[in-house]
């Protein structure tokens, strides 16, 4: 199955790629500068910072080439060279961001992640940082013919559906499903308390249901528990909430999430295997809540470490500017809800 590439006028985003070294296994644009969010005007989308992620096979070489082309994008870490930058990149969520970079008349932020780290996150949800972004609509700008990466992209979408099924009730609407999926990578993220609009998930999904449909339609059509009436744009689901059904779904979850669930449920000193513990969780009426707690544990750790790393990678001045912009967006979202 091919991962859907969301089309439309992507030329302005692809032009940005011309400013960077071209050795990319995957490049995509995401966020409110690419897909309109509820409560934001069309003009606001045209002024929002554009967010990009670049996956590269050799991070040291890529950063070396990018330092030659775009040295001003980096904080003081540029003085330590590409090897040190690549080492720092591996901490937290395994991605190195340069932010508040002027490019083609817009401000952009771009993250660099190694192809191997991305594949691991997509398959196993090690940090759910970039994997979480790819569970929502993105604009794919470049992708090489790496079959393992392609399989990992599809696996990540299937895992998102499975996790959502475990947390949703037996019957739910299509929008409920996309809300649950879009919220996965925000579960446990401390920035949702300080720095993000608390209506973020709803704002992402409501104006972009058609994009979510394009991303997930093939997976849902192949899912035996779902009747997906694509021509009507409607989904009818009846999820098997029996212990057997939930156990099957738990066993299909990414490895890191299974380990998190195991650590939550297994008392200290008891040495039981993962399968035995997941069987216990499958019989628990709060199975969905346990899955949610496991996801929150993954996201919490990676978001804290990644945010702390931003002070180094962006520098103090840019970090403060970026944080103030986030706080402003959060406050504005809160005021809209009050009014």
Foldseek 3Di string as FASTA:
>chain_A
DFFDADDDPCVVVLVQCVLFDDQFQWKWKDDCLVDPFPPDDPVRSVADAIEMETAHADQQVRVQRCCVRPVVQWDPCVVVHSVVQQVLCCPQLNKFKRFQDDDPNHTYIYIYHYLVSQLCCLQFVQQCPVLLRLLAFIHINDHDPDVSSRVSSVLSNLLLQLLLLQQDPQKDWLLSSQLSSNCLLVQQQCCCVAQAAVCVSVRRCPVCVVSSCSRCVVVQVPDPQWDQPVVVRTITGGQPLQLVRQLVSLVSHHPQLLVLLCVVQPDPPDDDDSSVSSSVLSHDPCSSVSSSVSSSVSNNRSNVTVLVSCCNGHPPVRNVVSRVVSNVNNVVSVVVVVD
